[in-house]
Amino acid sequence: MRSAGLREGDTVFVHATEGEVQLLSPRTAMQQAQAMVRKLIPEGVSLVDELIEQRRREAGRG
C-alpha cells in the first residue's frame, strides 16, 4: 500500500464501476471530483466570484 501513498489507518475512498473496484487516497478522490466539476463549469465562469457576489447581495438585504 505504500506505493499508493497509503499507510495503515489512512482513509480511503472506494469507487466501484463495471467489474472494477478502485481504492483512492483522499487526494486522488478530490482531484477526480474537481476534474468532474470542472467539465460542468463554462469557460470564463468563476464560481468563487459568483459566490462572493451572492454573499454581498445577501448581506445588503440584512
PDB file of N, CA and C in Angstrom:
ATOM      1  N   MET A   1       0.811  -1.192   0.000  1.00  0.00           N
ATOM      2  CA  MET A   1       0.000   0.000   0.000  1.00  0.00           C
ATOM      3  C   MET A   1       0.859   1.263   0.000  1.00  0.00           C
ATOM      4  N   ARG A   2       2.067   1.172   0.442  1.00  0.00           N
ATOM      5  CA  ARG A   2       2.919   2.373   0.483  1.00  0.00           C
ATOM      6  C   ARG A   2       3.173   2.927  -0.900  1.00  0.00           C
ATOM      7  N   SER A   3       3.216   2.061  -1.900  1.00  0.00           N
ATOM      8  CA  SER A   3       3.430   2.549  -3.264  1.00  0.00           C
ATOM      9  C   SER A   3       2.256   3.422  -3.716  1.00  0.00           C
ATOM     10  N   ALA A   4       1.099   3.242  -3.092  1.00  0.00           N
ATOM     11  CA  ALA A   4      -0.071   4.061  -3.404  1.00  0.00           C
ATOM     12  C   ALA A   4      -0.129   5.287  -2.509  1.00  0.00           C
ATOM     13  N   GLY A   5       0.862   5.469  -1.647  1.00  0.00           N
ATOM     14  CA  GLY A   5       0.876   6.607  -0.744  1.00  0.00           C
ATOM     15  C   GLY A   5      -0.045   6.437   0.448  1.00  0.00           C
ATOM     16  N   LEU A   6      -0.381   5.191   0.767  1.00  0.00           N
ATOM     17  CA  LEU A   6      -1.282   4.916   1.881  1.00  0.00           C
ATOM     18  C   LEU A   6      -0.550   4.199   2.997  1.00  0.00           C
ATOM     19  N   ARG A   7      -1.000   4.481   4.219  1.00  0.00           N
ATOM     20  CA  ARG A   7      -0.447   3.803   5.384  1.00  0.00           C
ATOM     21  C   ARG A   7      -1.604   3.204   6.174  1.00  0.00           C
ATOM     22  N   GLU A   8      -1.287   2.287   7.043  1.00  0.00           N
ATOM     23  CA  GLU A   8      -2.300   1.673   7.879  1.00  0.00           C
ATOM     24  C   GLU A   8      -3.051   2.754   8.646  1.00  0.00           C
ATOM     25  N   GLY A   9      -4.370   2.671   8.618  1.00  0.00           N
ATOM     26  CA  GLY A   9      -5.203   3.627   9.323  1.00  0.00           C
ATOM     27  C   GLY A   9      -5.638   4.812   8.479  1.00  0.00           C
ATOM     28  N   ASP A  10      -5.061   4.974   7.281  1.00  0.00           N
ATOM     29  CA  ASP A  10      -5.453   6.078   6.401  1.00  0.00           C
ATOM     30  C   ASP A  10      -6.881   5.883   5.895  1.00  0.00           C
ATOM     31  N   THR A  11      -7.533   6.984   5.594  1.00  0.00           N
ATOM     32  CA  THR A  11      -8.851   6.951   4.979  1.00  0.00           C
ATOM     33  C   THR A  11      -8.687   6.658   3.496  1.00  0.00           C
ATOM     34  N   VAL A  12      -9.542   5.814   2.972  1.00  0.00           N
ATOM     35  CA  VAL A  12      -9.555   5.547   1.530  1.00  0.00           C
ATOM     36  C   VAL A  12     -10.986   5.680   1.023  1.00  0.00           C
ATOM     37  N   PHE A  13     -11.117   5.964  -0.244  1.00  0.00           N
ATOM     38  CA  PHE A  13     -12.409   6.023  -0.901  1.00  0.00           C
ATOM     39  C   PHE A  13     -12.476   4.848  -1.863  1.00  0.00           C
ATOM     40  N   VAL A  14     -13.634   4.232  -1.938  1.00  0.00           N
ATOM     41  CA  VAL A  14     -13.834   3.092  -2.824  1.00  0.00           C
ATOM     42  C   VAL A  14     -14.713   3.544  -3.983  1.00  0.00           C
ATOM     43  N   HIS A  15     -14.248   3.272  -5.193  1.00  0.00           N
ATOM     44  CA  HIS A  15     -15.008   3.615  -6.396  1.00  0.00           C
ATOM     45  C   HIS A  15     -15.224   2.326  -7.170  1.00  0.00           C
ATOM     46  N   ALA A  16     -16.475   1.907  -7.280  1.00  0.00           N
ATOM     47  CA  ALA A  16     -16.794   0.674  -7.983  1.00  0.00           C
ATOM     48  C   ALA A  16     -17.510   0.996  -9.291  1.00  0.00           C
ATOM     49  N   THR A  17     -17.020   0.413 -10.373  1.00  0.00           N
ATOM     50  CA  THR A  17     -17.660   0.541 -11.680  1.00  0.00           C
ATOM     51  C   THR A  17     -17.764  -0.839 -12.284  1.00  0.00           C
ATOM     52  N   GLU A  18     -18.198  -0.923 -13.486  1.00  0.00           N
ATOM     53  CA  GLU A  18     -18.431  -2.184 -14.178  1.00  0.00           C
ATOM     54  C   GLU A  18     -17.295  -3.195 -13.985  1.00  0.00           C
ATOM     55  N   GLY A  19     -17.417  -4.021 -12.972  1.00  0.00           N
ATOM     56  CA  GLY A  19     -16.451  -5.081 -12.752  1.00  0.00           C
ATOM     57  C   GLY A  19     -15.109  -4.637 -12.216  1.00  0.00           C
ATOM     58  N   GLU A  20     -15.012  -3.407 -11.724  1.00  0.00           N
ATOM     59  CA  GLU A  20     -13.737  -2.895 -11.243  1.00  0.00           C
ATOM     60  C   GLU A  20     -13.940  -2.142  -9.927  1.00  0.00           C
ATOM     61  N   VAL A  21     -13.006  -2.325  -9.010  1.00  0.00           N
ATOM     62  CA  VAL A  21     -13.041  -1.603  -7.739  1.00  0.00           C
ATOM     63  C   VAL A  21     -11.712  -0.865  -7.589  1.00  0.00           C
ATOM     64  N   GLN A  22     -11.789   0.430  -7.299  1.00  0.00           N
ATOM     65  CA  GLN A  22     -10.586   1.235  -7.096  1.00  0.00           C
ATOM     66  C   GLN A  22     -10.565   1.733  -5.661  1.00  0.00           C
ATOM     67  N   LEU A  23      -9.392   1.688  -5.043  1.00  0.00           N
ATOM     68  CA  LEU A  23      -9.180   2.323  -3.752  1.00  0.00           C
ATOM     69  C   LEU A  23      -8.435   3.618  -4.029  1.00  0.00           C
ATOM     70  N   LEU A  24      -8.991   4.733  -3.559  1.00  0.00           N
ATOM     71  CA  LEU A  24      -8.402   6.035  -3.839  1.00  0.00           C
ATOM     72  C   LEU A  24      -8.007   6.730  -2.550  1.00  0.00           C
ATOM     73  N   SER A  25      -6.869   7.391  -2.584  1.00  0.00           N
ATOM     74  CA  SER A  25      -6.475   8.231  -1.457  1.00  0.00           C
ATOM     75  C   SER A  25      -7.390   9.454  -1.467  1.00  0.00           C
ATOM     76  N   PRO A  26      -7.534  10.125  -0.336  1.00  0.00           N
ATOM     77  CA  PRO A  26      -8.352  11.337  -0.328  1.00  0.00           C
ATOM     78  C   PRO A  26      -7.903  12.365  -1.372  1.00  0.00           C
ATOM     79  N   ARG A  27      -6.601  12.495  -1.537  1.00  0.00           N
ATOM     80  CA  ARG A  27      -6.081  13.459  -2.515  1.00  0.00           C
ATOM     81  C   ARG A  27      -6.510  13.093  -3.941  1.00  0.00           C
ATOM     82  N   THR A  28      -6.378  11.830  -4.301  1.00  0.00           N
ATOM     83  CA  THR A  28      -6.767  11.386  -5.636  1.00  0.00           C
ATOM     84  C   THR A  28      -8.269  11.514  -5.831  1.00  0.00           C
ATOM     85  N   ALA A  29      -9.054  11.158  -4.822  1.00  0.00           N
ATOM     86  CA  ALA A  29     -10.509  11.281  -4.913  1.00  0.00           C
ATOM     87  C   ALA A  29     -10.890  12.748  -5.133  1.00  0.00           C
ATOM     88  N   MET A  30     -10.241  13.664  -4.428  1.00  0.00           N
ATOM     89  CA  MET A  30     -10.527  15.090  -4.585  1.00  0.00           C
ATOM     90  C   MET A  30     -10.157  15.562  -5.979  1.00  0.00           C
ATOM     91  N   GLN A  31      -9.015  15.134  -6.482  1.00  0.00           N
ATOM     92  CA  GLN A  31      -8.591  15.539  -7.822  1.00  0.00           C
ATOM     93  C   GLN A  31      -9.586  15.049  -8.872  1.00  0.00           C
ATOM     94  N   GLN A  32     -10.074  13.834  -8.721  1.00  0.00           N
ATOM     95  CA  GLN A  32     -11.047  13.304  -9.676  1.00  0.00           C
ATOM     96  C   GLN A  32     -12.369  14.064  -9.586  1.00  0.00           C
ATOM     97  N   ALA A  33     -12.796  14.397  -8.374  1.00  0.00           N
ATOM     98  CA  ALA A  33     -14.032  15.162  -8.197  1.00  0.00           C
ATOM     99  C   ALA A  33     -13.890  16.553  -8.820  1.00  0.00           C
ATOM    100  N   GLN A  34     -12.753  17.198  -8.607  1.00  0.00           N
ATOM    101  CA  GLN A  34     -12.522  18.521  -9.183  1.00  0.00           C
ATOM    102  C   GLN A  34     -12.546  18.466 -10.708  1.00  0.00           C
ATOM    103  N   ALA A  35     -11.968  17.421 -11.281  1.00  0.00           N
ATOM    104  CA  ALA A  35     -11.955  17.279 -12.739  1.00  0.00           C
ATOM    105  C   ALA A  35     -13.371  17.108 -13.276  1.00  0.00           C
ATOM    106  N   MET A  36     -14.215  16.364 -12.563  1.00  0.00           N
ATOM    107  CA  MET A  36     -15.601  16.176 -12.997  1.00  0.00           C
ATOM    108  C   MET A  36     -16.372  17.495 -12.950  1.00  0.00           C
ATOM    109  N   VAL A  37     -16.200  18.240 -11.869  1.00  0.00           N
ATOM    110  CA  VAL A  37     -16.906  19.512 -11.726  1.00  0.00           C
ATOM    111  C   VAL A  37     -16.415  20.514 -12.761  1.00  0.00           C
ATOM    112  N   ARG A  38     -15.114  20.530 -13.000  1.00  0.00           N
ATOM    113  CA  ARG A  38     -14.526  21.459 -13.968  1.00  0.00           C
ATOM    114  C   ARG A  38     -15.176  21.315 -15.342  1.00  0.00           C
ATOM    115  N   LYS A  39     -15.561  20.104 -15.711  1.00  0.00           N
ATOM    116  CA  LYS A  39     -16.200  19.866 -17.009  1.00  0.00           C
ATOM    117  C   LYS A  39     -17.586  20.514 -17.085  1.00  0.00           C
ATOM    118  N   LEU A  40     -18.206  20.760 -15.939  1.00  0.00           N
ATOM    119  CA  LEU A  40     -19.565  21.294 -15.903  1.00  0.00           C
ATOM    120  C   LEU A  40     -19.622  22.824 -15.874  1.00  0.00           C
ATOM    121  N   ILE A  41     -18.493  23.464 -15.609  1.00  0.00           N
ATOM    122  CA  ILE A  41     -18.442  24.918 -15.479  1.00  0.00           C
ATOM    123  C   ILE A  41     -17.995  25.529 -16.803  1.00  0.00           C
ATOM    124  N   PRO A  42     -18.826  26.406 -17.368  1.00  0.00           N
ATOM    125  CA  PRO A  42     -18.429  27.033 -18.639  1.00  0.00           C
ATOM    126  C   PRO A  42     -17.129  27.828 -18.491  1.00  0.00           C
ATOM    127  N   GLU A  43     -16.360  27.873 -19.556  1.00  0.00           N
ATOM    128  CA  GLU A  43     -15.102  28.613 -19.533  1.00  0.00           C
ATOM    129  C   GLU A  43     -15.383  30.088 -19.272  1.00  0.00           C
ATOM    130  N   GLY A  44     -14.556  30.699 -18.459  1.00  0.00           N
ATOM    131  CA  GLY A  44     -14.708  32.106 -18.140  1.00  0.00           C
ATOM    132  C   GLY A  44     -15.607  32.366 -16.940  1.00  0.00           C
ATOM    133  N   VAL A  45     -16.226  31.323 -16.387  1.00  0.00           N
ATOM    134  CA  VAL A  45     -17.091  31.481 -15.223  1.00  0.00           C
ATOM    135  C   VAL A  45     -16.282  31.175 -13.970  1.00  0.00           C
ATOM    136  N   SER A  46     -16.367  32.064 -12.999  1.00  0.00           N
ATOM    137  CA  SER A  46     -15.679  31.862 -11.722  1.00  0.00           C
ATOM    138  C   SER A  46     -16.724  31.614 -10.649  1.00  0.00           C
ATOM    139  N   LEU A  47     -16.762  30.406 -10.122  1.00  0.00           N
ATOM    140  CA  LEU A  47     -17.711  30.092  -9.057  1.00  0.00           C
ATOM    141  C   LEU A  47     -17.406  30.899  -7.804  1.00  0.00           C
ATOM    142  N   VAL A  48     -16.145  31.187  -7.588  1.00  0.00           N
ATOM    143  CA  VAL A  48     -15.762  31.994  -6.428  1.00  0.00           C
ATOM    144  C   VAL A  48     -16.352  33.395  -6.558  1.00  0.00           C
ATOM    145  N   ASP A  49     -16.197  34.002  -7.736  1.00  0.00           N
ATOM    146  CA  ASP A  49     -16.752  35.342  -7.945  1.00  0.00           C
ATOM    147  C   ASP A  49     -18.266  35.347  -7.796  1.00  0.00           C
ATOM    148  N   GLU A  50     -18.925  34.304  -8.308  1.00  0.00           N
ATOM    149  CA  GLU A  50     -20.376  34.212  -8.183  1.00  0.00           C
ATOM    150  C   GLU A  50     -20.794  34.075  -6.720  1.00  0.00           C
ATOM    151  N   LEU A  51     -20.067  33.286  -5.965  1.00  0.00           N
ATOM    152  CA  LEU A  51     -20.382  33.109  -4.553  1.00  0.00           C
ATOM    153  C   LEU A  51     -20.192  34.414  -3.777  1.00  0.00           C
ATOM    154  N   ILE A  52     -19.109  35.116  -4.049  1.00  0.00           N
ATOM    155  CA  ILE A  52     -18.856  36.396  -3.374  1.00  0.00           C
ATOM    156  C   ILE A  52     -19.982  37.378  -3.688  1.00  0.00           C
ATOM    157  N   GLU A  53     -20.366  37.456  -4.955  1.00  0.00           N
ATOM    158  CA  GLU A  53     -21.447  38.367  -5.342  1.00  0.00           C
ATOM    159  C   GLU A  53     -22.759  37.988  -4.656  1.00  0.00           C
ATOM    160  N   GLN A  54     -23.046  36.710  -4.586  1.00  0.00           N
ATOM    161  CA  GLN A  54     -24.258  36.250  -3.912  1.00  0.00           C
ATOM    162  C   GLN A  54     -24.239  36.647  -2.434  1.00  0.00           C
ATOM    163  N   ARG A  55     -23.114  36.460  -1.773  1.00  0.00           N
ATOM    164  CA  ARG A  55     -22.997  36.808  -0.351  1.00  0.00           C
ATOM    165  C   ARG A  55     -23.145  38.317  -0.141  1.00  0.00           C
ATOM    166  N   ARG A  56     -22.602  39.105  -1.062  1.00  0.00           N
ATOM    167  CA  ARG A  56     -22.742  40.562  -0.954  1.00  0.00           C
ATOM    168  C   ARG A  56     -24.204  40.982  -1.084  1.00  0.00           C
ATOM    169  N   ARG A  57     -24.913  40.368  -2.025  1.00  0.00           N
ATOM    170  CA  ARG A  57     -26.337  40.683  -2.181  1.00  0.00           C
ATOM    171  C   ARG A  57     -27.112  40.298  -0.929  1.00  0.00           C
ATOM    172  N   GLU A  58     -26.816  39.125  -0.362  1.00  0.00           N
ATOM    173  CA  GLU A  58     -27.490  38.679   0.849  1.00  0.00           C
ATOM    174  C   GLU A  58     -27.180  39.603   2.019  1.00  0.00           C
ATOM    175  N   ALA A  59     -25.960  40.054   2.131  1.00  0.00           N
ATOM    176  CA  ALA A  59     -25.570  40.943   3.228  1.00  0.00           C
ATOM    177  C   ALA A  59     -26.281  42.289   3.097  1.00  0.00           C
ATOM    178  N   GLY A  60     -26.519  42.743   1.885  1.00  0.00           N
ATOM    179  CA  GLY A  60     -27.190  44.013   1.648  1.00  0.00           C
ATOM    180  C   GLY A  60     -28.662  43.979   2.051  1.00  0.00           C
ATOM    181  N   ARG A  61     -29.247  42.795   2.043  1.00  0.00           N
ATOM    182  CA  ARG A  61     -30.658  42.640   2.408  1.00  0.00           C
ATOM    183  C   ARG A  61     -30.873  42.697   3.900  1.00  0.00           C
ATOM    184  N   GLY A  62     -29.819  42.250   4.664  1.00  0.00           N
ATOM    185  CA  GLY A  62     -29.919  42.069   6.099  1.00  0.00           C
ATOM    186  C   GLY A  62     -30.327  43.280   6.815  1.00  0.00           C
TER     187      GLY A  62
END
